[in-house]
């Protein structure tokens, strides 16, 4: 196998990659704007300047149970897709993602959304259908830019 050189890569898709292993060298993502991590164990041990630049994360159809509070450090995220996993809750730090336009959490096991969801004032699409939600927080009403809301 040849060594990957990702210094000039803007978009990297690991979903069909033979490099599906634990990724720990985040310097490789220095210029990445999109990270699809289907089937890859990704551990964010600490946030650095490179990972903060991520704009899109997709990790769906897996067995993700937990979203770390460190997700709130990814302040440049525009879309986050964690659909079809086994997530049970959303950390309150989600409220720090003020540039987020798309949040897809459909088909999980989420029982409630944190009130901080109302801080996502740039959100345009919110997918929380096929979860265990009994109600939505009143702060959902603060999301005035939402044009698509999927709830069941």
Protein backbone atom coordinates (compact mmCIF):
# COMPACT_ATOMS: atom_id res chain seq x y z
CA UNK A 1 0.00 0.00 0.00
CA UNK A 2 1.21 3.44 -0.80
CA UNK A 3 1.08 6.18 1.79
CA UNK A 4 -1.71 8.69 1.34
CA UNK A 5 -0.79 12.31 0.80
CA UNK A 6 -3.81 14.36 1.83
CA UNK A 7 -2.15 17.74 1.97
CA UNK A 8 -4.16 19.03 -1.01
CA UNK A 9 -7.36 17.05 -0.50
CA UNK A 10 -10.51 19.09 -0.04
CA UNK A 11 -12.95 16.20 0.33
CA UNK A 12 -12.06 12.80 1.70
CA UNK A 13 -14.48 9.85 1.77
CA UNK A 14 -13.41 6.92 3.91
CA UNK A 15 -16.61 4.92 3.44
CA UNK A 16 -15.16 2.67 0.73
CA UNK A 17 -11.51 3.07 1.63
CA UNK A 18 -9.14 0.23 2.43
CA UNK A 19 -7.63 2.52 5.05
CA UNK A 20 -10.57 1.82 7.37
CA UNK A 21 -8.80 1.84 10.69
CA UNK A 22 -8.58 4.09 13.69
CA UNK A 23 -7.45 7.50 12.57
CA UNK A 24 -5.32 9.40 15.01
CA UNK A 25 -3.15 11.71 12.90
CA UNK A 26 -5.35 14.77 12.43
CA UNK A 27 -2.61 16.68 10.62
CA UNK A 28 -3.82 14.77 7.55
CA UNK A 29 -7.08 16.72 7.66
CA UNK A 30 -5.38 20.09 7.57
CA UNK A 31 -7.07 21.11 4.33
CA UNK A 32 -10.16 18.91 4.47
CA UNK A 33 -13.55 20.57 4.46
CA UNK A 34 -15.64 17.42 4.42
CA UNK A 35 -15.14 14.19 6.28
CA UNK A 36 -17.28 11.11 5.67
CA UNK A 37 -16.44 8.56 8.28
CA UNK A 38 -18.74 5.66 7.54
CA UNK A 39 -17.39 2.59 9.24
CA UNK A 40 -14.28 4.30 10.58
CA UNK A 41 -13.48 4.69 14.26
CA UNK A 42 -12.68 8.34 14.75
CA UNK A 43 -11.54 9.50 18.16
CA UNK A 44 -11.35 13.19 18.84
CA UNK A 45 -8.98 13.22 21.80
CA UNK A 46 -8.39 16.93 21.57
CA UNK A 47 -9.42 19.69 19.24
CA UNK A 48 -6.80 21.35 17.10
CA UNK A 49 -6.87 24.10 14.52
CA UNK A 50 -7.07 21.65 11.64
CA UNK A 51 -10.10 19.71 12.81
CA UNK A 52 -11.95 22.94 13.66
CA UNK A 53 -11.95 23.78 9.94
CA UNK A 54 -14.26 20.85 9.11
CA UNK A 55 -17.46 21.99 7.46
CA UNK A 56 -19.30 18.68 6.87
CA UNK A 57 -19.38 15.46 8.84
CA UNK A 58 -21.30 12.36 7.85
CA UNK A 59 -21.33 9.26 10.04
CA UNK A 60 -24.51 7.34 9.35
CA UNK A 61 -25.70 3.72 9.19
CA UNK A 62 -23.45 2.66 12.04
CA UNK A 63 -23.54 1.92 15.71
CA UNK A 64 -22.67 5.32 17.05
CA UNK A 65 -24.18 5.53 20.57
CA UNK A 66 -22.69 8.75 21.82
CA UNK A 67 -21.81 12.21 20.58
CA UNK A 68 -18.95 13.72 22.55
CA UNK A 69 -19.33 17.26 23.90
CA UNK A 70 -16.20 18.10 21.89
CA UNK A 71 -18.53 18.34 18.87
CA UNK A 72 -19.19 21.90 20.08
CA UNK A 73 -15.59 22.79 19.23
CA UNK A 74 -16.20 22.22 15.52
CA UNK A 75 -17.55 25.73 15.16
CA UNK A 76 -17.28 25.86 11.36
CA UNK A 77 -19.58 22.89 10.73
CA UNK A 78 -22.30 23.57 8.19
CA UNK A 79 -23.77 20.07 8.02
CA UNK A 80 -23.81 17.20 10.46
CA UNK A 81 -25.33 13.86 9.48
CA UNK A 82 -25.47 11.21 12.19
CA UNK A 83 -28.58 9.47 10.83
CA UNK A 84 -29.30 5.77 11.28
CA UNK A 85 -27.17 5.17 14.35
CA UNK A 86 -28.00 4.36 17.97
CA UNK A 87 -27.55 7.83 19.49
CA UNK A 88 -29.59 8.31 22.65
CA UNK A 89 -28.91 11.95 23.47
CA UNK A 90 -27.42 15.12 22.10
CA UNK A 91 -24.88 17.12 24.14
CA UNK A 92 -25.80 20.69 25.05
CA UNK A 93 -22.57 21.78 23.31
CA UNK A 94 -24.45 21.33 20.01
CA UNK A 95 -25.54 24.93 20.62
CA UNK A 96 -22.04 26.18 19.80
CA UNK A 97 -22.45 25.12 16.14
CA UNK A 98 -23.96 28.42 15.09
CA UNK A 99 -22.96 28.01 11.42
CA UNK A 100 -24.82 24.72 11.12
CA UNK A 101 -27.35 24.70 8.29
CA UNK A 102 -28.24 20.98 8.17
CA UNK A 103 -28.62 18.67 11.16
CA UNK A 104 -29.70 15.11 10.40
CA UNK A 105 -30.28 12.93 13.45
CA UNK A 106 -33.06 10.80 11.98
CA UNK A 107 -33.41 7.11 12.81
CA UNK A 108 -31.67 7.07 16.18
CA UNK A 109 -32.88 6.53 19.75
CA UNK A 110 -32.97 10.15 20.89
CA UNK A 111 -35.52 10.76 23.64
CA UNK A 112 -35.17 14.53 23.94
CA UNK A 113 -33.36 17.47 22.40
CA UNK A 114 -31.42 19.95 24.54
CA UNK A 115 -32.78 23.47 24.83
CA UNK A 116 -29.50 24.69 23.25
CA UNK A 117 -30.88 23.51 19.90
CA UNK A 118 -32.51 26.95 19.81
CA UNK A 119 -29.07 28.57 19.46
CA UNK A 120 -28.65 27.11 15.95
CA UNK A 121 -30.09 30.23 14.34
CA UNK A 122 -28.65 29.48 10.88
CA UNK A 123 -30.22 26.02 10.76
CA UNK A 124 -32.26 25.45 7.61
CA UNK A 125 -32.95 21.70 7.76
CA UNK A 126 -33.57 19.65 10.89
CA UNK A 127 -34.23 15.92 10.61
CA UNK A 128 -35.17 14.22 13.88
CA UNK A 129 -37.76 11.76 12.58
CA UNK A 130 -37.72 8.08 13.58
CA UNK A 131 -36.49 8.72 17.12
CA UNK A 132 -38.09 8.29 20.54
CA UNK A 133 -38.98 11.98 20.94
CA UNK A 134 -42.11 12.65 22.99
CA UNK A 135 -41.91 16.41 22.56
CA UNK A 136 -39.70 19.18 21.23
CA UNK A 137 -38.17 21.93 23.38
CA UNK A 138 -39.89 25.30 23.11
CA UNK A 139 -36.59 26.75 21.87
CA UNK A 140 -37.31 25.11 18.50
CA UNK A 141 -39.43 28.21 17.89
CA UNK A 142 -36.25 30.30 17.77
CA UNK A 143 -35.12 28.52 14.59
CA UNK A 144 -36.62 31.02 12.18
CA UNK A 145 -34.49 29.96 9.18
CA UNK A 146 -35.68 26.35 9.20
CA UNK A 147 -37.39 25.54 5.90
CA UNK A 148 -37.50 21.76 6.41
CA UNK A 149 -38.36 20.11 9.71
CA UNK A 150 -38.78 16.32 9.76
CA UNK A 151 -40.36 15.10 12.99
CA UNK A 152 -42.75 12.25 13.60
